[in-house]
C-alpha atoms as a PDB file:
ATOM      1  CA  UNK A   1     -32.273 -12.591 -41.356  1.00  0.00           C
ATOM      2  CA  UNK A   2     -29.506 -13.983 -43.048  1.00  0.00           C
ATOM      3  CA  UNK A   3     -25.723 -13.313 -42.265  1.00  0.00           C
ATOM      4  CA  UNK A   4     -24.400 -10.658 -44.970  1.00  0.00           C
ATOM      5  CA  UNK A   5     -20.528 -11.865 -45.763  1.00  0.00           C
ATOM      6  CA  UNK A   6     -17.828  -9.521 -45.225  1.00  0.00           C
ATOM      7  CA  UNK A   7     -16.672  -9.699 -48.734  1.00  0.00           C
ATOM      8  CA  UNK A   8     -19.827  -8.944 -50.279  1.00  0.00           C
ATOM      9  CA  UNK A   9     -19.902  -5.532 -48.225  1.00  0.00           C
ATOM     10  CA  UNK A  10     -16.577  -4.654 -49.412  1.00  0.00           C
ATOM     11  CA  UNK A  11     -17.866  -5.386 -53.169  1.00  0.00           C
ATOM     12  CA  UNK A  12     -21.433  -4.070 -52.816  1.00  0.00           C
ATOM     13  CA  UNK A  13     -21.101  -1.180 -50.345  1.00  0.00           C
ATOM     14  CA  UNK A  14     -23.867   0.588 -51.803  1.00  0.00           C
ATOM     15  CA  UNK A  15     -26.469  -2.092 -51.820  1.00  0.00           C
ATOM     16  CA  UNK A  16     -26.114  -2.111 -48.049  1.00  0.00           C
ATOM     17  CA  UNK A  17     -25.554   1.581 -46.865  1.00  0.00           C
ATOM     18  CA  UNK A  18     -28.125   2.858 -44.456  1.00  0.00           C
ATOM     19  CA  UNK A  19     -29.955  -0.655 -44.217  1.00  0.00           C
ATOM     20  CA  UNK A  20     -29.628  -2.939 -41.296  1.00  0.00           C
ATOM     21  CA  UNK A  21     -27.194  -5.721 -41.664  1.00  0.00           C
ATOM     22  CA  UNK A  22     -26.521  -8.916 -39.586  1.00  0.00           C
ATOM     23  CA  UNK A  23     -22.992 -10.060 -39.768  1.00  0.00           C
ATOM     24  CA  UNK A  24     -21.015 -12.966 -38.138  1.00  0.00           C
ATOM     25  CA  UNK A  25     -17.542 -13.860 -37.454  1.00  0.00           C
ATOM     26  CA  UNK A  26     -14.412 -13.457 -35.157  1.00  0.00           C
ATOM     27  CA  UNK A  27     -13.076 -10.796 -33.079  1.00  0.00           C
ATOM     28  CA  UNK A  28      -9.752  -9.908 -34.750  1.00  0.00           C
ATOM     29  CA  UNK A  29      -8.878  -6.635 -32.259  1.00  0.00           C
ATOM     30  CA  UNK A  30     -11.307  -4.996 -29.474  1.00  0.00           C
ATOM     31  CA  UNK A  31     -10.229  -1.364 -28.204  1.00  0.00           C
ATOM     32  CA  UNK A  32     -12.469   0.440 -25.952  1.00  0.00           C
ATOM     33  CA  UNK A  33     -13.056   3.431 -23.928  1.00  0.00           C
ATOM     34  CA  UNK A  34     -16.083   4.530 -21.481  1.00  0.00           C
ATOM     35  CA  UNK A  35     -18.418   5.740 -24.373  1.00  0.00           C
ATOM     36  CA  UNK A  36     -17.178   4.354 -27.563  1.00  0.00           C
ATOM     37  CA  UNK A  37     -15.558   1.015 -28.370  1.00  0.00           C
ATOM     38  CA  UNK A  38     -14.143  -0.338 -31.637  1.00  0.00           C
ATOM     39  CA  UNK A  39     -14.410  -3.646 -32.966  1.00  0.00           C
ATOM     40  CA  UNK A  40     -12.860  -5.611 -36.093  1.00  0.00           C
ATOM     41  CA  UNK A  41     -14.137  -8.457 -37.156  1.00  0.00           C
ATOM     42  CA  UNK A  42     -13.487 -11.264 -39.934  1.00  0.00           C
ATOM     43  CA  UNK A  43     -15.485 -14.017 -40.956  1.00  0.00           C
ATOM     44  CA  UNK A  44     -13.014 -15.716 -43.104  1.00  0.00           C
ATOM     45  CA  UNK A  45     -14.412 -14.620 -46.884  1.00  0.00           C
ATOM     46  CA  UNK A  46     -12.098 -11.394 -46.988  1.00  0.00           C
ATOM     47  CA  UNK A  47      -8.637 -10.721 -46.166  1.00  0.00           C
ATOM     48  CA  UNK A  48      -9.809  -7.262 -44.792  1.00  0.00           C
ATOM     49  CA  UNK A  49     -11.569  -6.817 -41.392  1.00  0.00           C
ATOM     50  CA  UNK A  50     -14.728  -4.538 -40.717  1.00  0.00           C
ATOM     51  CA  UNK A  51     -14.698  -2.403 -38.023  1.00  0.00           C
ATOM     52  CA  UNK A  52     -17.952  -2.106 -35.985  1.00  0.00           C
ATOM     53  CA  UNK A  53     -18.325   0.755 -33.710  1.00  0.00           C
ATOM     54  CA  UNK A  54     -19.808   0.105 -30.254  1.00  0.00           C
ATOM     55  CA  UNK A  55     -21.498   3.081 -28.461  1.00  0.00           C
ATOM     56  CA  UNK A  56     -22.136   2.828 -24.810  1.00  0.00           C
ATOM     57  CA  UNK A  57     -24.977   4.225 -24.282  1.00  0.00           C
ATOM     58  CA  UNK A  58     -26.700   2.272 -26.721  1.00  0.00           C
ATOM     59  CA  UNK A  59     -25.491  -1.036 -25.364  1.00  0.00           C
ATOM     60  CA  UNK A  60     -27.031  -1.884 -22.175  1.00  0.00           C
ATOM     61  CA  UNK A  61     -24.468  -5.017 -21.758  1.00  0.00           C
ATOM     62  CA  UNK A  62     -21.449  -2.693 -23.564  1.00  0.00           C
ATOM     63  CA  UNK A  63     -18.952  -3.667 -20.464  1.00  0.00           C
ATOM     64  CA  UNK A  64     -19.174  -7.089 -20.834  1.00  0.00           C
ATOM     65  CA  UNK A  65     -19.128  -6.876 -24.721  1.00  0.00           C
ATOM     66  CA  UNK A  66     -16.059  -4.998 -24.460  1.00  0.00           C
ATOM     67  CA  UNK A  67     -14.186  -7.772 -22.146  1.00  0.00           C
ATOM     68  CA  UNK A  68     -14.389 -10.529 -25.061  1.00  0.00           C
ATOM     69  CA  UNK A  69     -11.174 -11.756 -26.405  1.00  0.00           C
ATOM     70  CA  UNK A  70      -9.677 -12.233 -29.601  1.00  0.00           C
ATOM     71  CA  UNK A  71     -10.905 -14.967 -31.396  1.00  0.00           C
ATOM     72  CA  UNK A  72     -14.469 -14.802 -29.965  1.00  0.00           C
ATOM     73  CA  UNK A  73     -17.441 -15.833 -32.378  1.00  0.00           C
ATOM     74  CA  UNK A  74     -19.932 -12.895 -32.495  1.00  0.00           C
ATOM     75  CA  UNK A  75     -23.047 -11.794 -34.294  1.00  0.00           C
ATOM     76  CA  UNK A  76     -23.556  -8.392 -34.703  1.00  0.00           C
ATOM     77  CA  UNK A  77     -26.728  -6.739 -35.802  1.00  0.00           C
ATOM     78  CA  UNK A  78     -26.730  -3.078 -36.819  1.00  0.00           C
ATOM     79  CA  UNK A  79     -26.753   0.121 -39.323  1.00  0.00           C
ATOM     80  CA  UNK A  80     -23.917  -0.004 -42.309  1.00  0.00           C
END
């Protein structure tokens, strides 16, 4: 699967809704609780970040994921 650029998601949202996509970029902010986490990601193609919602019960490695530092490079696969 090829990475989708964040600028393309913002410009053509309807093309990606309810489809599995893969994005890559750097963590700009990260917040978490026991059940959910929120990660803002930027790939350098657009000024705005994209927010990724992490569900603890869906990710077996959730506790390690939310401990990542700002600036960490990640690849995210999920449904838009």
